Every structure is written in structure tokens, then in C-alpha cells.
Amino acid sequence: MTAQDELRLLPWSGPEGKPCYLSTDNAAGYVSRLADNIEAVQLGTAAELLEVASESLADEHAEPIELRRLGHALTGALKDVLRVAVSRGHLLTAGEPHRI
């Protein structure tokens, strides 16, 4: 178990789309590192999509189908980012003191 008996929400889903959790006290373990790497990729993808979205929305001639595809991609990226935020926020709450 983790030091605080807390489970880490992983950045992927299990069978039937259910959340996956990790119980470990080794933040340097294989699954922890894999989750960290996947979260980094997800956050990077979201940042890239945000840049594309800003450019596309500024383009008066953007095709509706392109904007629709972008909306779908942004929705997926937002789900990933929220999952990372929940996971990391939970870890912060469980393992770090609050500082002002």
C-alpha cells in the first residue's frame, strides 16, 4: 500500500471502462513510472491541441468538419487532463502538507 493507504488513480481504464488504481509505496516502481510517462504524454497532447484549437478558432475559414474533429479531440484530451488532475490532486492531498 501507499504510505497513506491511498490508491493512485491510473491514467488508463480497465475492462468495461472502469477506473484502474495502483496500491504501492514505491513511486519509482515500474507501474508508477509508466503512469507518470503516460500522464506526461497526455498533458503534452492536451497542450498541443490547445494551440491547434486557438489557431483554428481564429481562422474564419475553418471548415465545420475540422472544428468538429477538433472538438472531439479536445473532449478526449480534457477527460485525460481531468483524470491526471484528480489523480495528482488526490496524491497531493494524501501525501503533502498544504503550504501557503
N, C-alpha and C. Protein backbone atom coordinates (compact mmCIF):
# COMPACT_ATOMS: atom_id res chain seq x y z
N MET A 1 0.84 -1.19 0.00
CA MET A 1 0.00 0.00 0.00
C MET A 1 0.88 1.24 0.00
N THR A 2 0.28 2.33 -0.37
CA THR A 2 0.99 3.59 -0.33
C THR A 2 1.19 4.01 1.11
N ALA A 3 2.05 5.01 1.30
CA ALA A 3 2.37 5.45 2.65
C ALA A 3 1.12 5.90 3.41
N GLN A 4 0.17 6.46 2.72
CA GLN A 4 -1.03 6.96 3.37
C GLN A 4 -2.22 6.02 3.17
N ASP A 5 -1.96 4.78 2.77
CA ASP A 5 -3.02 3.83 2.47
C ASP A 5 -3.98 4.39 1.42
N GLU A 6 -3.42 5.10 0.46
CA GLU A 6 -4.21 5.68 -0.61
C GLU A 6 -3.90 4.96 -1.92
N LEU A 7 -4.87 4.90 -2.79
CA LEU A 7 -4.69 4.30 -4.10
C LEU A 7 -4.45 5.40 -5.12
N ARG A 8 -3.62 5.13 -6.08
CA ARG A 8 -3.36 6.09 -7.16
C ARG A 8 -4.27 5.77 -8.33
N LEU A 9 -5.01 6.77 -8.78
CA LEU A 9 -5.82 6.62 -9.99
C LEU A 9 -4.89 6.61 -11.18
N LEU A 10 -4.92 5.55 -11.96
CA LEU A 10 -4.03 5.41 -13.11
C LEU A 10 -4.63 6.09 -14.34
N PRO A 11 -3.78 6.48 -15.29
CA PRO A 11 -4.26 7.21 -16.46
C PRO A 11 -4.85 6.33 -17.56
N TRP A 12 -5.30 5.17 -17.23
CA TRP A 12 -5.97 4.29 -18.19
C TRP A 12 -7.13 3.60 -17.49
N SER A 13 -8.01 3.07 -18.30
CA SER A 13 -9.18 2.38 -17.77
C SER A 13 -9.01 0.88 -17.90
N GLY A 14 -9.73 0.18 -17.07
CA GLY A 14 -9.72 -1.27 -17.12
C GLY A 14 -10.85 -1.78 -17.98
N PRO A 15 -11.16 -3.06 -17.83
CA PRO A 15 -12.27 -3.63 -18.59
C PRO A 15 -13.56 -2.85 -18.35
N GLU A 16 -14.32 -2.71 -19.39
CA GLU A 16 -15.61 -2.02 -19.34
C GLU A 16 -15.47 -0.54 -18.98
N GLY A 17 -14.28 0.02 -19.18
CA GLY A 17 -14.08 1.44 -18.93
C GLY A 17 -14.00 1.84 -17.46
N LYS A 18 -13.85 0.87 -16.60
CA LYS A 18 -13.78 1.17 -15.16
C LYS A 18 -12.39 1.70 -14.80
N PRO A 19 -12.31 2.59 -13.80
CA PRO A 19 -11.02 3.15 -13.40
C PRO A 19 -10.08 2.08 -12.86
N CYS A 20 -8.79 2.31 -13.06
CA CYS A 20 -7.75 1.43 -12.51
C CYS A 20 -7.00 2.19 -11.44
N TYR A 21 -6.63 1.49 -10.39
CA TYR A 21 -5.91 2.09 -9.28
C TYR A 21 -4.66 1.28 -8.99
N LEU A 22 -3.66 1.95 -8.44
CA LEU A 22 -2.41 1.31 -8.05
C LEU A 22 -2.24 1.45 -6.54
N SER A 23 -1.90 0.35 -5.91
CA SER A 23 -1.59 0.35 -4.49
C SER A 23 -0.12 -0.02 -4.35
N THR A 24 0.71 0.97 -4.00
CA THR A 24 2.14 0.73 -3.83
C THR A 24 2.74 1.82 -2.97
N ASP A 25 3.85 1.50 -2.36
CA ASP A 25 4.58 2.52 -1.62
C ASP A 25 5.88 2.85 -2.36
N ASN A 26 6.00 2.39 -3.60
CA ASN A 26 7.20 2.60 -4.41
C ASN A 26 6.88 3.50 -5.59
N ALA A 27 7.11 4.80 -5.43
CA ALA A 27 6.83 5.76 -6.50
C ALA A 27 7.78 5.58 -7.69
N ALA A 28 8.85 4.84 -7.50
CA ALA A 28 9.80 4.60 -8.58
C ALA A 28 9.59 3.23 -9.23
N GLY A 29 8.52 2.54 -8.85
CA GLY A 29 8.23 1.23 -9.42
C GLY A 29 7.81 1.33 -10.87
N TYR A 30 7.83 0.20 -11.54
CA TYR A 30 7.54 0.15 -12.97
C TYR A 30 6.18 0.76 -13.32
N VAL A 31 5.13 0.35 -12.65
CA VAL A 31 3.78 0.84 -12.98
C VAL A 31 3.65 2.33 -12.66
N SER A 32 4.26 2.76 -11.56
CA SER A 32 4.24 4.19 -11.22
C SER A 32 4.94 5.01 -12.30
N ARG A 33 6.09 4.56 -12.73
CA ARG A 33 6.83 5.28 -13.79
C ARG A 33 6.06 5.26 -15.10
N LEU A 34 5.45 4.12 -15.43
CA LEU A 34 4.65 4.03 -16.65
C LEU A 34 3.49 5.01 -16.59
N ALA A 35 2.81 5.08 -15.45
CA ALA A 35 1.70 6.01 -15.29
C ALA A 35 2.18 7.45 -15.41
N ASP A 36 3.33 7.77 -14.80
CA ASP A 36 3.89 9.12 -14.90
C ASP A 36 4.17 9.49 -16.35
N ASN A 37 4.75 8.55 -17.10
CA ASN A 37 5.07 8.80 -18.51
C ASN A 37 3.81 8.99 -19.34
N ILE A 38 2.81 8.18 -19.11
CA ILE A 38 1.56 8.31 -19.86
C ILE A 38 0.88 9.63 -19.53
N GLU A 39 0.89 10.01 -18.26
CA GLU A 39 0.32 11.31 -17.88
C GLU A 39 1.06 12.46 -18.57
N ALA A 40 2.37 12.36 -18.65
CA ALA A 40 3.16 13.41 -19.32
C ALA A 40 2.78 13.51 -20.79
N VAL A 41 2.60 12.37 -21.44
CA VAL A 41 2.18 12.37 -22.84
C VAL A 41 0.79 12.97 -22.98
N GLN A 42 -0.12 12.59 -22.10
CA GLN A 42 -1.48 13.12 -22.15
C GLN A 42 -1.50 14.64 -21.97
N LEU A 43 -0.73 15.14 -21.02
CA LEU A 43 -0.67 16.59 -20.80
C LEU A 43 -0.03 17.30 -21.98
N GLY A 44 0.99 16.71 -22.57
CA GLY A 44 1.63 17.29 -23.76
C GLY A 44 0.67 17.33 -24.94
N THR A 45 -0.08 16.27 -25.13
CA THR A 45 -1.06 16.22 -26.20
C THR A 45 -2.12 17.30 -26.01
N ALA A 46 -2.58 17.46 -24.78
CA ALA A 46 -3.58 18.49 -24.48
C ALA A 46 -3.04 19.88 -24.79
N ALA A 47 -1.79 20.14 -24.44
CA ALA A 47 -1.18 21.44 -24.72
C ALA A 47 -1.10 21.69 -26.23
N GLU A 48 -0.73 20.67 -26.98
CA GLU A 48 -0.66 20.81 -28.44
C GLU A 48 -2.04 21.06 -29.03
N LEU A 49 -3.04 20.32 -28.55
CA LEU A 49 -4.40 20.52 -29.04
C LEU A 49 -4.93 21.91 -28.71
N LEU A 50 -4.58 22.43 -27.56
CA LEU A 50 -4.99 23.77 -27.19
C LEU A 50 -4.42 24.80 -28.17
N GLU A 51 -3.18 24.62 -28.55
CA GLU A 51 -2.56 25.51 -29.53
C GLU A 51 -3.27 25.42 -30.88
N VAL A 52 -3.55 24.20 -31.32
CA VAL A 52 -4.26 24.00 -32.59
C VAL A 52 -5.65 24.62 -32.51
N ALA A 53 -6.32 24.43 -31.38
CA ALA A 53 -7.67 24.97 -31.22
C ALA A 53 -7.65 26.49 -31.28
N SER A 54 -6.69 27.11 -30.65
CA SER A 54 -6.59 28.57 -30.69
C SER A 54 -6.42 29.08 -32.12
N GLU A 55 -5.58 28.40 -32.87
CA GLU A 55 -5.35 28.78 -34.27
C GLU A 55 -6.60 28.53 -35.10
N SER A 56 -7.23 27.39 -34.90
CA SER A 56 -8.41 27.04 -35.70
C SER A 56 -9.58 27.98 -35.43
N LEU A 57 -9.78 28.33 -34.18
CA LEU A 57 -10.89 29.23 -33.84
C LEU A 57 -10.65 30.65 -34.35
N ALA A 58 -9.40 31.00 -34.51
CA ALA A 58 -9.08 32.33 -35.06
C ALA A 58 -9.21 32.36 -36.58
N ASP A 59 -9.28 31.19 -37.21
CA ASP A 59 -9.37 31.08 -38.67
C ASP A 59 -10.83 31.19 -39.11
N GLU A 60 -11.17 32.28 -39.75
CA GLU A 60 -12.55 32.49 -40.21
C GLU A 60 -12.98 31.47 -41.26
N HIS A 61 -12.02 30.84 -41.89
CA HIS A 61 -12.32 29.91 -42.99
C HIS A 61 -12.21 28.44 -42.55
N ALA A 62 -12.12 28.21 -41.26
CA ALA A 62 -12.03 26.82 -40.78
C ALA A 62 -13.29 26.07 -41.16
N GLU A 63 -13.11 24.88 -41.66
CA GLU A 63 -14.23 24.04 -42.08
C GLU A 63 -14.95 23.47 -40.85
N PRO A 64 -16.26 23.41 -40.90
CA PRO A 64 -17.02 22.86 -39.76
C PRO A 64 -16.59 21.44 -39.39
N ILE A 65 -16.29 20.60 -40.37
CA ILE A 65 -15.89 19.23 -40.07
C ILE A 65 -14.56 19.21 -39.33
N GLU A 66 -13.65 20.15 -39.68
CA GLU A 66 -12.37 20.24 -38.97
C GLU A 66 -12.60 20.67 -37.52
N LEU A 67 -13.49 21.62 -37.32
CA LEU A 67 -13.79 22.09 -35.97
C LEU A 67 -14.46 20.99 -35.14
N ARG A 68 -15.31 20.20 -35.81
CA ARG A 68 -15.97 19.09 -35.11
C ARG A 68 -14.94 18.05 -34.67
N ARG A 69 -14.01 17.70 -35.55
CA ARG A 69 -12.96 16.74 -35.20
C ARG A 69 -12.10 17.28 -34.07
N LEU A 70 -11.80 18.56 -34.15
CA LEU A 70 -11.02 19.20 -33.10
C LEU A 70 -11.78 19.15 -31.77
N GLY A 71 -13.07 19.39 -31.82
CA GLY A 71 -13.89 19.32 -30.61
C GLY A 71 -13.85 17.93 -29.98
N HIS A 72 -13.90 16.90 -30.80
CA HIS A 72 -13.81 15.53 -30.29
C HIS A 72 -12.44 15.28 -29.67
N ALA A 73 -11.38 15.73 -30.34
CA ALA A 73 -10.04 15.54 -29.82
C ALA A 73 -9.87 16.30 -28.50
N LEU A 74 -10.39 17.51 -28.44
CA LEU A 74 -10.29 18.31 -27.21
C LEU A 74 -11.07 17.66 -26.06
N THR A 75 -12.21 17.08 -26.38
CA THR A 75 -13.00 16.40 -25.35
C THR A 75 -12.22 15.24 -24.76
N GLY A 76 -11.59 14.45 -25.61
CA GLY A 76 -10.77 13.33 -25.12
C GLY A 76 -9.59 13.82 -24.29
N ALA A 77 -8.94 14.89 -24.77
CA ALA A 77 -7.80 15.43 -24.03
C ALA A 77 -8.23 16.00 -22.69
N LEU A 78 -9.39 16.65 -22.66
CA LEU A 78 -9.88 17.21 -21.40
C LEU A 78 -10.19 16.10 -20.39
N LYS A 79 -10.76 15.00 -20.86
CA LYS A 79 -11.01 13.86 -19.97
C LYS A 79 -9.70 13.35 -19.37
N ASP A 80 -8.66 13.25 -20.23
CA ASP A 80 -7.36 12.78 -19.75
C ASP A 80 -6.77 13.75 -18.73
N VAL A 81 -6.84 15.04 -19.02
CA VAL A 81 -6.27 16.05 -18.12
C VAL A 81 -7.02 16.06 -16.79
N LEU A 82 -8.33 15.93 -16.83
CA LEU A 82 -9.10 15.88 -15.58
C LEU A 82 -8.72 14.66 -14.75
N ARG A 83 -8.51 13.54 -15.42
CA ARG A 83 -8.11 12.32 -14.71
C ARG A 83 -6.75 12.52 -14.05
N VAL A 84 -5.82 13.15 -14.78
CA VAL A 84 -4.50 13.44 -14.21
C VAL A 84 -4.65 14.38 -13.02
N ALA A 85 -5.47 15.42 -13.18
CA ALA A 85 -5.67 16.38 -12.09
C ALA A 85 -6.26 15.71 -10.86
N VAL A 86 -7.23 14.85 -11.05
CA VAL A 86 -7.83 14.13 -9.92
C VAL A 86 -6.78 13.25 -9.25
N SER A 87 -6.03 12.52 -10.06
CA SER A 87 -5.02 11.63 -9.51
C SER A 87 -3.95 12.40 -8.76
N ARG A 88 -3.41 13.42 -9.38
CA ARG A 88 -2.34 14.19 -8.74
C ARG A 88 -2.87 15.01 -7.58
N GLY A 89 -4.05 15.54 -7.70
CA GLY A 89 -4.63 16.30 -6.60
C GLY A 89 -4.86 15.41 -5.40
N HIS A 90 -5.29 14.20 -5.66
CA HIS A 90 -5.51 13.25 -4.58
C HIS A 90 -4.18 12.89 -3.93
N LEU A 91 -3.16 12.70 -4.75
CA LEU A 91 -1.84 12.38 -4.21
C LEU A 91 -1.31 13.54 -3.37
N LEU A 92 -1.52 14.76 -3.84
CA LEU A 92 -1.07 15.93 -3.08
C LEU A 92 -1.80 16.00 -1.74
N THR A 93 -3.08 15.78 -1.77
CA THR A 93 -3.87 15.83 -0.54
C THR A 93 -3.41 14.75 0.43
N ALA A 94 -3.10 13.59 -0.11
CA ALA A 94 -2.76 12.46 0.75
C ALA A 94 -1.32 12.52 1.25
N GLY A 95 -0.41 13.06 0.43
CA GLY A 95 0.99 12.92 0.78
C GLY A 95 1.77 14.18 1.08
N GLU A 96 1.23 15.33 0.85
CA GLU A 96 1.99 16.55 1.05
C GLU A 96 1.22 17.52 1.93
N PRO A 97 1.94 18.21 2.79
CA PRO A 97 1.27 19.24 3.57
C PRO A 97 0.89 20.42 2.70
N HIS A 98 -0.18 21.09 3.06
CA HIS A 98 -0.60 22.27 2.32
C HIS A 98 0.26 23.45 2.73
N ARG A 99 0.76 24.16 1.74
CA ARG A 99 1.59 25.33 2.03
C ARG A 99 0.97 26.56 1.39
N ILE A 100 1.10 27.65 2.07
CA ILE A 100 0.56 28.90 1.56
C ILE A 100 1.67 29.77 1.06
